[in-house]
Amino acid sequence: MLMDNGLYLLKIAIASALISVLIKWVGPTIALSESAALIMVLLPTVIVGGLLLRRLSQG
């Protein structure tokens, strides 16, 4: 069970890193306002955090 949670956390960390790189790469190209950029960063974080909390509370 612990190894399964560790693998899940690793997948989340990789996905978060990819999202961050994508935002840094695409962000200047489309020149988002600060509030839109903040939403693009926080929304995936909230979604992933919610999924993680739900999975950890079930396990």
PDB file of N, CA and C in Angstrom:
ATOM      1  N   MET A   1       0.827  -1.198   0.000  1.00  0.00           N
ATOM      2  CA  MET A   1       0.000   0.000   0.000  1.00  0.00           C
ATOM      3  C   MET A   1       0.868   1.258   0.000  1.00  0.00           C
ATOM      4  N   LEU A   2       1.924   1.250   0.814  1.00  0.00           N
ATOM      5  CA  LEU A   2       2.805   2.417   0.891  1.00  0.00           C
ATOM      6  C   LEU A   2       3.518   2.653  -0.430  1.00  0.00           C
ATOM      7  N   MET A   3       3.946   1.584  -1.084  1.00  0.00           N
ATOM      8  CA  MET A   3       4.629   1.722  -2.362  1.00  0.00           C
ATOM      9  C   MET A   3       3.677   2.272  -3.419  1.00  0.00           C
ATOM     10  N   ASP A   4       2.408   1.861  -3.363  1.00  0.00           N
ATOM     11  CA  ASP A   4       1.411   2.351  -4.301  1.00  0.00           C
ATOM     12  C   ASP A   4       1.220   3.858  -4.128  1.00  0.00           C
ATOM     13  N   ASN A   5       1.163   4.325  -2.876  1.00  0.00           N
ATOM     14  CA  ASN A   5       1.029   5.759  -2.621  1.00  0.00           C
ATOM     15  C   ASN A   5       2.266   6.513  -3.088  1.00  0.00           C
ATOM     16  N   GLY A   6       3.445   5.923  -2.900  1.00  0.00           N
ATOM     17  CA  GLY A   6       4.679   6.562  -3.352  1.00  0.00           C
ATOM     18  C   GLY A   6       4.709   6.709  -4.860  1.00  0.00           C
ATOM     19  N   LEU A   7       4.265   5.678  -5.569  1.00  0.00           N
ATOM     20  CA  LEU A   7       4.214   5.738  -7.026  1.00  0.00           C
ATOM     21  C   LEU A   7       3.206   6.788  -7.478  1.00  0.00           C
ATOM     22  N   TYR A   8       2.083   6.865  -6.786  1.00  0.00           N
ATOM     23  CA  TYR A   8       1.060   7.859  -7.113  1.00  0.00           C
ATOM     24  C   TYR A   8       1.606   9.274  -6.910  1.00  0.00           C
ATOM     25  N   LEU A   9       2.325   9.490  -5.807  1.00  0.00           N
ATOM     26  CA  LEU A   9       2.924  10.800  -5.549  1.00  0.00           C
ATOM     27  C   LEU A   9       3.963  11.143  -6.604  1.00  0.00           C
ATOM     28  N   LEU A  10       4.739  10.157  -7.039  1.00  0.00           N
ATOM     29  CA  LEU A  10       5.730  10.391  -8.085  1.00  0.00           C
ATOM     30  C   LEU A  10       5.051  10.809  -9.384  1.00  0.00           C
ATOM     31  N   LYS A  11       3.955  10.155  -9.736  1.00  0.00           N
ATOM     32  CA  LYS A  11       3.214  10.520 -10.944  1.00  0.00           C
ATOM     33  C   LYS A  11       2.676  11.945 -10.843  1.00  0.00           C
ATOM     34  N   ILE A  12       2.175  12.316  -9.678  1.00  0.00           N
ATOM     35  CA  ILE A  12       1.656  13.671  -9.485  1.00  0.00           C
ATOM     36  C   ILE A  12       2.785  14.694  -9.599  1.00  0.00           C
ATOM     37  N   ALA A  13       3.944  14.390  -9.024  1.00  0.00           N
ATOM     38  CA  ALA A  13       5.079  15.307  -9.101  1.00  0.00           C
ATOM     39  C   ALA A  13       5.525  15.496 -10.546  1.00  0.00           C
ATOM     40  N   ILE A  14       5.572  14.419 -11.313  1.00  0.00           N
ATOM     41  CA  ILE A  14       5.963  14.516 -12.723  1.00  0.00           C
ATOM     42  C   ILE A  14       4.937  15.323 -13.504  1.00  0.00           C
ATOM     43  N   ALA A  15       3.652  15.072 -13.266  1.00  0.00           N
ATOM     44  CA  ALA A  15       2.600  15.816 -13.963  1.00  0.00           C
ATOM     45  C   ALA A  15       2.660  17.298 -13.612  1.00  0.00           C
ATOM     46  N   SER A  16       2.910  17.623 -12.354  1.00  0.00           N
ATOM     47  CA  SER A  16       3.007  19.023 -11.940  1.00  0.00           C
ATOM     48  C   SER A  16       4.198  19.707 -12.600  1.00  0.00           C
ATOM     49  N   ALA A  17       5.322  18.996 -12.679  1.00  0.00           N
ATOM     50  CA  ALA A  17       6.503  19.563 -13.329  1.00  0.00           C
ATOM     51  C   ALA A  17       6.239  19.811 -14.810  1.00  0.00           C
ATOM     52  N   LEU A  18       5.571  18.870 -15.468  1.00  0.00           N
ATOM     53  CA  LEU A  18       5.251  19.054 -16.882  1.00  0.00           C
ATOM     54  C   LEU A  18       4.303  20.229 -17.094  1.00  0.00           C
ATOM     55  N   ILE A  19       3.324  20.374 -16.213  1.00  0.00           N
ATOM     56  CA  ILE A  19       2.400  21.508 -16.313  1.00  0.00           C
ATOM     57  C   ILE A  19       3.159  22.819 -16.134  1.00  0.00           C
ATOM     58  N   SER A  20       4.079  22.873 -15.173  1.00  0.00           N
ATOM     59  CA  SER A  20       4.861  24.090 -14.935  1.00  0.00           C
ATOM     60  C   SER A  20       5.709  24.446 -16.148  1.00  0.00           C
ATOM     61  N   VAL A  21       6.371  23.444 -16.729  1.00  0.00           N
ATOM     62  CA  VAL A  21       7.199  23.693 -17.914  1.00  0.00           C
ATOM     63  C   VAL A  21       6.338  24.175 -19.067  1.00  0.00           C
ATOM     64  N   LEU A  22       5.187  23.552 -19.253  1.00  0.00           N
ATOM     65  CA  LEU A  22       4.291  23.949 -20.336  1.00  0.00           C
ATOM     66  C   LEU A  22       3.818  25.384 -20.158  1.00  0.00           C
ATOM     67  N   ILE A  23       3.465  25.758 -18.940  1.00  0.00           N
ATOM     68  CA  ILE A  23       3.003  27.123 -18.678  1.00  0.00           C
ATOM     69  C   ILE A  23       4.133  28.121 -18.929  1.00  0.00           C
ATOM     70  N   LYS A  24       5.355  27.795 -18.494  1.00  0.00           N
ATOM     71  CA  LYS A  24       6.485  28.706 -18.712  1.00  0.00           C
ATOM     72  C   LYS A  24       6.826  28.819 -20.190  1.00  0.00           C
ATOM     73  N   TRP A  25       6.621  27.748 -20.951  1.00  0.00           N
ATOM     74  CA  TRP A  25       6.948  27.756 -22.369  1.00  0.00           C
ATOM     75  C   TRP A  25       5.869  28.455 -23.187  1.00  0.00           C
ATOM     76  N   VAL A  26       4.601  28.164 -22.893  1.00  0.00           N
ATOM     77  CA  VAL A  26       3.486  28.707 -23.669  1.00  0.00           C
ATOM     78  C   VAL A  26       3.083  30.089 -23.172  1.00  0.00           C
ATOM     79  N   GLY A  27       3.243  30.337 -21.881  1.00  0.00           N
ATOM     80  CA  GLY A  27       2.801  31.591 -21.280  1.00  0.00           C
ATOM     81  C   GLY A  27       3.263  32.846 -21.997  1.00  0.00           C
ATOM     82  N   PRO A  28       4.578  33.024 -22.203  1.00  0.00           N
ATOM     83  CA  PRO A  28       5.037  34.242 -22.889  1.00  0.00           C
ATOM     84  C   PRO A  28       4.560  34.322 -24.333  1.00  0.00           C
ATOM     85  N   THR A  29       4.309  33.190 -24.962  1.00  0.00           N
ATOM     86  CA  THR A  29       3.867  33.180 -26.354  1.00  0.00           C
ATOM     87  C   THR A  29       2.478  33.789 -26.494  1.00  0.00           C
ATOM     88  N   ILE A  30       1.591  33.455 -25.562  1.00  0.00           N
ATOM     89  CA  ILE A  30       0.224  33.972 -25.673  1.00  0.00           C
ATOM     90  C   ILE A  30      -0.003  35.214 -24.818  1.00  0.00           C
ATOM     91  N   ALA A  31       1.024  35.614 -24.048  1.00  0.00           N
ATOM     92  CA  ALA A  31       1.008  36.854 -23.264  1.00  0.00           C
ATOM     93  C   ALA A  31      -0.252  36.986 -22.403  1.00  0.00           C
ATOM     94  N   LEU A  32      -0.390  36.086 -21.460  1.00  0.00           N
ATOM     95  CA  LEU A  32      -1.545  36.118 -20.569  1.00  0.00           C
ATOM     96  C   LEU A  32      -1.437  37.252 -19.555  1.00  0.00           C
ATOM     97  N   SER A  33      -2.581  37.692 -19.095  1.00  0.00           N
ATOM     98  CA  SER A  33      -2.574  38.635 -17.991  1.00  0.00           C
ATOM     99  C   SER A  33      -2.152  37.888 -16.734  1.00  0.00           C
ATOM    100  N   GLU A  34      -1.784  38.632 -15.701  1.00  0.00           N
ATOM    101  CA  GLU A  34      -1.307  37.987 -14.474  1.00  0.00           C
ATOM    102  C   GLU A  34      -2.385  37.123 -13.834  1.00  0.00           C
ATOM    103  N   SER A  35      -3.622  37.590 -13.839  1.00  0.00           N
ATOM    104  CA  SER A  35      -4.681  36.810 -13.198  1.00  0.00           C
ATOM    105  C   SER A  35      -4.955  35.517 -13.961  1.00  0.00           C
ATOM    106  N   ALA A  36      -4.926  35.567 -15.279  1.00  0.00           N
ATOM    107  CA  ALA A  36      -5.143  34.353 -16.069  1.00  0.00           C
ATOM    108  C   ALA A  36      -4.000  33.367 -15.863  1.00  0.00           C
ATOM    109  N   ALA A  37      -2.777  33.877 -15.786  1.00  0.00           N
ATOM    110  CA  ALA A  37      -1.627  33.003 -15.546  1.00  0.00           C
ATOM    111  C   ALA A  37      -1.717  32.366 -14.163  1.00  0.00           C
ATOM    112  N   LEU A  38      -2.162  33.133 -13.187  1.00  0.00           N
ATOM    113  CA  LEU A  38      -2.308  32.601 -11.833  1.00  0.00           C
ATOM    114  C   LEU A  38      -3.356  31.493 -11.798  1.00  0.00           C
ATOM    115  N   ILE A  39      -4.456  31.695 -12.498  1.00  0.00           N
ATOM    116  CA  ILE A  39      -5.500  30.670 -12.564  1.00  0.00           C
ATOM    117  C   ILE A  39      -4.970  29.415 -13.248  1.00  0.00           C
ATOM    118  N   MET A  40      -4.179  29.583 -14.318  1.00  0.00           N
ATOM    119  CA  MET A  40      -3.626  28.426 -15.020  1.00  0.00           C
ATOM    120  C   MET A  40      -2.670  27.632 -14.136  1.00  0.00           C
ATOM    121  N   VAL A  41      -2.021  28.297 -13.197  1.00  0.00           N
ATOM    122  CA  VAL A  41      -1.110  27.599 -12.289  1.00  0.00           C
ATOM    123  C   VAL A  41      -1.879  26.968 -11.132  1.00  0.00           C
ATOM    124  N   LEU A  42      -2.812  27.708 -10.560  1.00  0.00           N
ATOM    125  CA  LEU A  42      -3.502  27.227  -9.365  1.00  0.00           C
ATOM    126  C   LEU A  42      -4.560  26.164  -9.648  1.00  0.00           C
ATOM    127  N   LEU A  43      -5.243  26.263 -10.762  1.00  0.00           N
ATOM    128  CA  LEU A  43      -6.320  25.313 -11.051  1.00  0.00           C
ATOM    129  C   LEU A  43      -5.827  23.864 -11.124  1.00  0.00           C
ATOM    130  N   PRO A  44      -4.778  23.569 -11.903  1.00  0.00           N
ATOM    131  CA  PRO A  44      -4.290  22.178 -11.893  1.00  0.00           C
ATOM    132  C   PRO A  44      -3.793  21.747 -10.520  1.00  0.00           C
ATOM    133  N   THR A  45      -3.210  22.671  -9.765  1.00  0.00           N
ATOM    134  CA  THR A  45      -2.720  22.342  -8.430  1.00  0.00           C
ATOM    135  C   THR A  45      -3.878  21.958  -7.518  1.00  0.00           C
ATOM    136  N   VAL A  46      -4.969  22.699  -7.581  1.00  0.00           N
ATOM    137  CA  VAL A  46      -6.143  22.399  -6.761  1.00  0.00           C
ATOM    138  C   VAL A  46      -6.758  21.064  -7.172  1.00  0.00           C
ATOM    139  N   ILE A  47      -6.850  20.824  -8.473  1.00  0.00           N
ATOM    140  CA  ILE A  47      -7.437  19.569  -8.957  1.00  0.00           C
ATOM    141  C   ILE A  47      -6.592  18.381  -8.519  1.00  0.00           C
ATOM    142  N   VAL A  48      -5.283  18.475  -8.739  1.00  0.00           N
ATOM    143  CA  VAL A  48      -4.383  17.376  -8.369  1.00  0.00           C
ATOM    144  C   VAL A  48      -4.378  17.184  -6.855  1.00  0.00           C
ATOM    145  N   GLY A  49      -4.371  18.278  -6.104  1.00  0.00           N
ATOM    146  CA  GLY A  49      -4.403  18.176  -4.646  1.00  0.00           C
ATOM    147  C   GLY A  49      -5.679  17.522  -4.149  1.00  0.00           C
ATOM    148  N   GLY A  50      -6.803  17.867  -4.755  1.00  0.00           N
ATOM    149  CA  GLY A  50      -8.074  17.254  -4.380  1.00  0.00           C
ATOM    150  C   GLY A  50      -8.093  15.764  -4.675  1.00  0.00           C
ATOM    151  N   LEU A  51      -7.570  15.392  -5.841  1.00  0.00           N
ATOM    152  CA  LEU A  51      -7.502  13.967  -6.181  1.00  0.00           C
ATOM    153  C   LEU A  51      -6.592  13.216  -5.223  1.00  0.00           C
ATOM    154  N   LEU A  52      -5.475  13.839  -4.870  1.00  0.00           N
ATOM    155  CA  LEU A  52      -4.536  13.197  -3.943  1.00  0.00           C
ATOM    156  C   LEU A  52      -5.170  13.011  -2.571  1.00  0.00           C
ATOM    157  N   LEU A  53      -5.835  14.044  -2.069  1.00  0.00           N
ATOM    158  CA  LEU A  53      -6.479  13.932  -0.762  1.00  0.00           C
ATOM    159  C   LEU A  53      -7.574  12.868  -0.764  1.00  0.00           C
ATOM    160  N   ARG A  54      -8.342  12.810  -1.842  1.00  0.00           N
ATOM    161  CA  ARG A  54      -9.396  11.799  -1.931  1.00  0.00           C
ATOM    162  C   ARG A  54      -8.786  10.396  -1.936  1.00  0.00           C
ATOM    163  N   ARG A  55      -7.718  10.218  -2.694  1.00  0.00           N
ATOM    164  CA  ARG A  55      -7.083   8.888  -2.777  1.00  0.00           C
ATOM    165  C   ARG A  55      -6.461   8.492  -1.440  1.00  0.00           C
ATOM    166  N   LEU A  56      -5.806   9.437  -0.775  1.00  0.00           N
ATOM    167  CA  LEU A  56      -5.180   9.120   0.507  1.00  0.00           C
ATOM    168  C   LEU A  56      -6.222   8.847   1.587  1.00  0.00           C
ATOM    169  N   SER A  57      -7.360   9.545   1.538  1.00  0.00           N
ATOM    170  CA  SER A  57      -8.391   9.313   2.547  1.00  0.00           C
ATOM    171  C   SER A  57      -9.089   7.969   2.332  1.00  0.00           C
ATOM    172  N   GLN A  58      -9.159   7.507   1.091  1.00  0.00           N
ATOM    173  CA  GLN A  58      -9.765   6.200   0.813  1.00  0.00           C
ATOM    174  C   GLN A  58      -8.814   5.067   1.172  1.00  0.00           C
ATOM    175  N   GLY A  59      -7.511   5.297   1.035  1.00  0.00           N
ATOM    176  CA  GLY A  59      -6.520   4.238   1.276  1.00  0.00           C
ATOM    177  C   GLY A  59      -6.156   4.196   2.681  1.00  0.00           C
TER     178      GLY A  59
END
